[in-house]
Amino acid sequence: MGRKTGYRYRCSHGQCRGRVTLPRQLTEYVRPRHCHRCGRDQLKLDQYRHTVELSPRRVCACSGYPFPHRRGCQPWCVFSERLPTDDEQAARYGQPTDEA
């Protein structure tokens, strides 16, 4: 099962630099896509987002969360080095009942 992340683009206009996420590559569109902030059609692929922030080494798909997340940064991630606190347990599963 592959990841569906979309394609991240940045506006190449000097003062705007807005980010736009599109479901397909920019070349697959018939009409040019525009920046949501400035309205220009000067979008280019954001290489930093594709190579660094969304690299497979940093994205985790363990069973601790039902969504992709950064590896080891969340308390319920399987690769996390810290255990969840009692408050985090109560927030996720509700207050324990004392039947004893």
N, C-alpha and C. Protein backbone atom coordinates (compact mmCIF):
# COMPACT_ATOMS: atom_id res chain seq x y z
N MET A 1 0.84 -1.17 0.00
CA MET A 1 0.00 0.00 0.00
C MET A 1 0.88 1.23 0.00
N GLY A 2 0.80 2.05 -1.02
CA GLY A 2 1.66 3.21 -1.15
C GLY A 2 1.09 4.44 -0.46
N ARG A 3 1.96 5.37 -0.19
CA ARG A 3 1.54 6.62 0.43
C ARG A 3 0.93 7.53 -0.62
N LYS A 4 -0.11 8.24 -0.25
CA LYS A 4 -0.70 9.26 -1.11
C LYS A 4 -0.45 10.59 -0.44
N THR A 5 0.58 11.27 -0.87
CA THR A 5 0.93 12.52 -0.21
C THR A 5 0.61 13.74 -1.05
N GLY A 6 0.51 13.61 -2.34
CA GLY A 6 0.30 14.78 -3.17
C GLY A 6 1.63 15.40 -3.54
N TYR A 7 1.57 16.37 -4.40
CA TYR A 7 2.77 17.04 -4.88
C TYR A 7 2.80 18.45 -4.31
N ARG A 8 3.91 18.80 -3.67
CA ARG A 8 4.04 20.11 -3.05
C ARG A 8 4.77 21.06 -3.99
N TYR A 9 4.21 22.23 -4.17
CA TYR A 9 4.81 23.25 -5.03
C TYR A 9 4.93 24.55 -4.25
N ARG A 10 5.87 25.37 -4.66
CA ARG A 10 6.03 26.71 -4.10
C ARG A 10 5.87 27.71 -5.22
N CYS A 11 5.32 28.86 -4.87
CA CYS A 11 5.23 29.95 -5.84
C CYS A 11 6.62 30.54 -6.00
N SER A 12 7.07 30.71 -7.21
CA SER A 12 8.42 31.22 -7.44
C SER A 12 8.47 32.74 -7.47
N HIS A 13 7.36 33.40 -7.23
CA HIS A 13 7.35 34.85 -7.16
C HIS A 13 8.10 35.27 -5.90
N GLY A 14 8.96 36.23 -6.01
CA GLY A 14 9.87 36.60 -4.92
C GLY A 14 9.21 37.00 -3.62
N GLN A 15 8.11 37.74 -3.67
CA GLN A 15 7.50 38.20 -2.43
C GLN A 15 6.46 37.23 -1.89
N CYS A 16 5.95 36.33 -2.68
CA CYS A 16 4.87 35.46 -2.22
C CYS A 16 5.41 34.19 -1.54
N ARG A 17 6.09 33.36 -2.28
CA ARG A 17 6.66 32.09 -1.80
C ARG A 17 5.62 31.20 -1.12
N GLY A 18 4.36 31.26 -1.56
CA GLY A 18 3.29 30.45 -0.97
C GLY A 18 3.44 28.99 -1.37
N ARG A 19 2.93 28.11 -0.51
CA ARG A 19 2.97 26.68 -0.79
C ARG A 19 1.60 26.20 -1.25
N VAL A 20 1.59 25.33 -2.25
CA VAL A 20 0.38 24.76 -2.81
C VAL A 20 0.58 23.26 -2.90
N THR A 21 -0.41 22.48 -2.46
CA THR A 21 -0.36 21.02 -2.59
C THR A 21 -1.41 20.61 -3.61
N LEU A 22 -0.96 19.88 -4.63
CA LEU A 22 -1.85 19.44 -5.71
C LEU A 22 -1.88 17.91 -5.73
N PRO A 23 -3.00 17.31 -6.10
CA PRO A 23 -3.07 15.85 -6.12
C PRO A 23 -2.30 15.21 -7.28
N ARG A 24 -2.03 15.97 -8.33
CA ARG A 24 -1.29 15.45 -9.47
C ARG A 24 -0.10 16.34 -9.77
N GLN A 25 0.78 15.84 -10.65
CA GLN A 25 1.91 16.66 -11.04
C GLN A 25 1.43 17.85 -11.85
N LEU A 26 2.19 18.90 -11.82
CA LEU A 26 1.82 20.15 -12.48
C LEU A 26 1.68 19.98 -14.00
N THR A 27 2.46 19.10 -14.59
CA THR A 27 2.41 18.89 -16.04
C THR A 27 1.16 18.14 -16.48
N GLU A 28 0.43 17.50 -15.57
CA GLU A 28 -0.77 16.74 -15.93
C GLU A 28 -2.01 17.62 -16.05
N TYR A 29 -1.94 18.87 -15.67
CA TYR A 29 -3.09 19.76 -15.74
C TYR A 29 -3.15 20.45 -17.09
N VAL A 30 -4.36 20.59 -17.65
CA VAL A 30 -4.55 21.26 -18.94
C VAL A 30 -4.46 22.76 -18.74
N ARG A 31 -5.18 23.28 -17.76
CA ARG A 31 -5.11 24.71 -17.43
C ARG A 31 -4.03 24.92 -16.37
N PRO A 32 -3.34 26.04 -16.43
CA PRO A 32 -2.28 26.27 -15.44
C PRO A 32 -2.87 26.46 -14.04
N ARG A 33 -2.22 25.89 -13.06
CA ARG A 33 -2.62 26.04 -11.66
C ARG A 33 -2.05 27.34 -11.12
N HIS A 34 -2.77 27.99 -10.25
CA HIS A 34 -2.36 29.28 -9.73
C HIS A 34 -2.06 29.19 -8.24
N CYS A 35 -1.25 30.11 -7.78
CA CYS A 35 -0.95 30.23 -6.37
C CYS A 35 -2.19 30.75 -5.64
N HIS A 36 -2.48 30.20 -4.48
CA HIS A 36 -3.66 30.62 -3.73
C HIS A 36 -3.46 31.98 -3.07
N ARG A 37 -2.22 32.37 -2.86
CA ARG A 37 -1.96 33.64 -2.18
C ARG A 37 -1.91 34.83 -3.12
N CYS A 38 -1.15 34.69 -4.22
CA CYS A 38 -0.97 35.85 -5.11
C CYS A 38 -1.68 35.71 -6.45
N GLY A 39 -2.12 34.50 -6.84
CA GLY A 39 -2.84 34.31 -8.08
C GLY A 39 -1.98 34.10 -9.31
N ARG A 40 -0.66 34.12 -9.16
CA ARG A 40 0.21 33.92 -10.33
C ARG A 40 0.36 32.42 -10.62
N ASP A 41 0.74 32.11 -11.86
CA ASP A 41 0.93 30.71 -12.24
C ASP A 41 2.42 30.36 -12.31
N GLN A 42 3.17 30.80 -11.33
CA GLN A 42 4.61 30.57 -11.29
C GLN A 42 4.94 29.51 -10.22
N LEU A 43 4.35 28.32 -10.33
CA LEU A 43 4.60 27.27 -9.35
C LEU A 43 5.76 26.40 -9.79
N LYS A 44 6.57 25.99 -8.85
CA LYS A 44 7.65 25.05 -9.12
C LYS A 44 7.70 24.04 -7.99
N LEU A 45 8.24 22.86 -8.28
CA LEU A 45 8.28 21.78 -7.30
C LEU A 45 9.13 22.17 -6.11
N ASP A 46 8.63 21.93 -4.91
CA ASP A 46 9.35 22.25 -3.68
C ASP A 46 10.26 21.07 -3.34
N GLN A 47 11.51 21.15 -3.76
CA GLN A 47 12.45 20.05 -3.57
C GLN A 47 12.72 19.75 -2.11
N TYR A 48 12.73 20.78 -1.27
CA TYR A 48 13.00 20.56 0.15
C TYR A 48 11.92 19.68 0.78
N ARG A 49 10.66 19.96 0.48
CA ARG A 49 9.57 19.17 1.05
C ARG A 49 9.63 17.73 0.57
N HIS A 50 9.98 17.50 -0.68
CA HIS A 50 10.01 16.14 -1.21
C HIS A 50 11.21 15.35 -0.72
N THR A 51 12.36 15.99 -0.58
CA THR A 51 13.56 15.22 -0.24
C THR A 51 13.83 15.15 1.25
N VAL A 52 13.53 16.19 2.01
CA VAL A 52 13.90 16.21 3.42
C VAL A 52 12.72 15.93 4.33
N GLU A 53 11.68 16.74 4.24
CA GLU A 53 10.57 16.61 5.18
C GLU A 53 9.74 15.36 4.96
N LEU A 54 9.57 14.91 3.75
CA LEU A 54 8.72 13.77 3.46
C LEU A 54 9.50 12.54 3.02
N SER A 55 10.76 12.45 3.40
CA SER A 55 11.54 11.29 3.00
C SER A 55 11.05 10.06 3.74
N PRO A 56 11.16 8.88 3.15
CA PRO A 56 10.69 7.66 3.80
C PRO A 56 11.39 7.36 5.12
N ARG A 57 12.58 7.91 5.33
CA ARG A 57 13.28 7.68 6.60
C ARG A 57 12.59 8.40 7.75
N ARG A 58 11.94 9.51 7.49
CA ARG A 58 11.34 10.32 8.55
C ARG A 58 9.86 10.04 8.75
N VAL A 59 9.19 9.47 7.76
CA VAL A 59 7.76 9.21 7.87
C VAL A 59 7.56 7.79 8.38
N CYS A 60 6.74 7.65 9.42
CA CYS A 60 6.49 6.35 10.04
C CYS A 60 5.04 5.97 9.81
N ALA A 61 4.79 4.71 9.58
CA ALA A 61 3.43 4.21 9.39
C ALA A 61 3.17 3.04 10.33
N CYS A 62 3.63 3.15 11.58
CA CYS A 62 3.44 2.07 12.54
C CYS A 62 1.98 2.02 12.99
N SER A 63 1.66 1.03 13.81
CA SER A 63 0.27 0.84 14.25
C SER A 63 -0.11 1.72 15.43
N GLY A 64 0.79 2.56 15.91
CA GLY A 64 0.47 3.45 17.03
C GLY A 64 -0.50 4.54 16.65
N TYR A 65 -0.49 4.97 15.40
CA TYR A 65 -1.40 6.01 14.90
C TYR A 65 -1.96 5.57 13.57
N PRO A 66 -3.19 5.95 13.25
CA PRO A 66 -3.78 5.54 11.97
C PRO A 66 -3.39 6.45 10.81
N PHE A 67 -2.42 7.34 11.00
CA PHE A 67 -2.01 8.27 9.96
C PHE A 67 -0.48 8.32 9.92
N PRO A 68 0.12 8.71 8.79
CA PRO A 68 1.58 8.85 8.74
C PRO A 68 2.04 9.96 9.67
N HIS A 69 3.12 9.72 10.38
CA HIS A 69 3.65 10.69 11.33
C HIS A 69 5.17 10.58 11.32
N ARG A 70 5.84 11.53 11.97
CA ARG A 70 7.29 11.47 12.05
C ARG A 70 7.70 10.37 12.99
N ARG A 71 8.71 9.64 12.63
CA ARG A 71 9.16 8.48 13.37
C ARG A 71 9.68 8.86 14.76
N GLY A 72 9.06 8.30 15.80
CA GLY A 72 9.53 8.45 17.17
C GLY A 72 9.17 9.74 17.86
N CYS A 73 8.40 10.61 17.25
CA CYS A 73 8.13 11.91 17.87
C CYS A 73 6.84 11.91 18.68
N GLN A 74 5.97 10.96 18.47
CA GLN A 74 4.70 10.88 19.18
C GLN A 74 4.80 9.84 20.30
N PRO A 75 4.09 10.02 21.40
CA PRO A 75 4.21 9.07 22.51
C PRO A 75 3.68 7.68 22.19
N TRP A 76 2.76 7.53 21.26
CA TRP A 76 2.20 6.23 20.95
C TRP A 76 2.91 5.56 19.77
N CYS A 77 3.90 6.20 19.20
CA CYS A 77 4.67 5.60 18.11
C CYS A 77 5.48 4.42 18.65
N VAL A 78 5.55 3.36 17.89
CA VAL A 78 6.27 2.17 18.30
C VAL A 78 7.76 2.47 18.48
N PHE A 79 8.28 3.40 17.72
CA PHE A 79 9.71 3.72 17.75
C PHE A 79 10.05 4.85 18.72
N SER A 80 9.10 5.31 19.50
CA SER A 80 9.35 6.38 20.46
C SER A 80 10.18 5.86 21.64
N GLU A 81 11.07 6.70 22.14
CA GLU A 81 11.93 6.30 23.25
C GLU A 81 11.29 6.59 24.60
N ARG A 82 10.22 7.34 24.63
CA ARG A 82 9.57 7.65 25.91
C ARG A 82 8.21 6.97 25.97
N LEU A 83 7.80 6.65 27.18
CA LEU A 83 6.50 6.02 27.38
C LEU A 83 5.44 7.10 27.62
N PRO A 84 4.19 6.83 27.27
CA PRO A 84 3.13 7.80 27.52
C PRO A 84 2.90 8.00 29.02
N THR A 85 2.58 9.21 29.41
CA THR A 85 2.33 9.51 30.82
C THR A 85 0.92 9.07 31.19
N ASP A 86 0.60 9.13 32.48
CA ASP A 86 -0.74 8.77 32.94
C ASP A 86 -1.80 9.71 32.37
N ASP A 87 -1.47 10.99 32.25
CA ASP A 87 -2.40 11.95 31.68
C ASP A 87 -2.68 11.64 30.21
N GLU A 88 -1.65 11.26 29.46
CA GLU A 88 -1.83 10.90 28.06
C GLU A 88 -2.64 9.61 27.93
N GLN A 89 -2.42 8.67 28.85
CA GLN A 89 -3.22 7.45 28.85
C GLN A 89 -4.69 7.77 29.09
N ALA A 90 -4.96 8.63 30.08
CA ALA A 90 -6.34 8.98 30.40
C ALA A 90 -7.00 9.75 29.26
N ALA A 91 -6.24 10.60 28.57
CA ALA A 91 -6.80 11.37 27.46
C ALA A 91 -7.15 10.46 26.29
N ARG A 92 -6.36 9.42 26.09
CA ARG A 92 -6.60 8.55 24.94
C ARG A 92 -7.66 7.48 25.23
N TYR A 93 -7.61 6.90 26.42
CA TYR A 93 -8.50 5.78 26.72
C TYR A 93 -9.59 6.11 27.73
N GLY A 94 -9.62 7.32 28.26
CA GLY A 94 -10.61 7.68 29.28
C GLY A 94 -10.10 7.35 30.66
N GLN A 95 -10.82 7.78 31.67
CA GLN A 95 -10.41 7.56 33.06
C GLN A 95 -10.60 6.09 33.42
N PRO A 96 -9.64 5.49 34.10
CA PRO A 96 -9.81 4.08 34.52
C PRO A 96 -10.84 3.97 35.63
N THR A 97 -11.57 2.86 35.63
CA THR A 97 -12.55 2.63 36.66
C THR A 97 -11.94 1.71 37.73
N ASP A 98 -12.12 2.08 38.98
CA ASP A 98 -11.61 1.28 40.10
C ASP A 98 -12.69 0.34 40.56
N GLU A 99 -12.61 -0.93 40.15
CA GLU A 99 -13.61 -1.93 40.53
C GLU A 99 -13.15 -2.76 41.71
N ALA A 100 -11.92 -2.59 42.14
CA ALA A 100 -11.41 -3.41 43.23
C ALA A 100 -11.82 -2.92 44.59
